[in-house]
Amino acid sequence: MEKEKSILIDGEENIKKGSESVKAESFKNMDYRIVRTYSAGVFAGYVESRNGREVMMRKARRLYYWDGAATLSQLAEDGVSKPQNCKFPKEVDRVELLEVIEILDCSKTAQESIGSVKIWSE
């Protein structure tokens, strides 16, 4: 029988069965997140700033195609289970994203999984 684990999220105690969700590492006090835009796609990286629907990201990778996660929510929590099938190009140092419609916190597991995907290019 799996042991239940208690974790704190925003100061509230939460119970999660199975693996514990651990917050992703930060870079210069910036949080690692997945950001989805209206038409430019999905990016993973460090959110430097946000102004309404505009987000500045650092060390960001476009998540062009992923396999092994059903949704972005699952990707942000668990990462991908089939990294060999994913298409994540090389990260860029800085990108300004317009028309942001979703920002997801990433777990450390997801951050490591995204980082382990081989750079895709054609």
Foldseek 3Di string as FASTA:
>chain_A
DFDWDWDADPNDIDIDTDDDFAFADADPPFAWKWWQAPPPAIKTATFPDDDPQKTKGAQIKGFPDAAQAPDVQRLQGANHPCLAPTAIAGTDGMDMTGRIDDIGGHTNNSVVNVVVRDHDDD
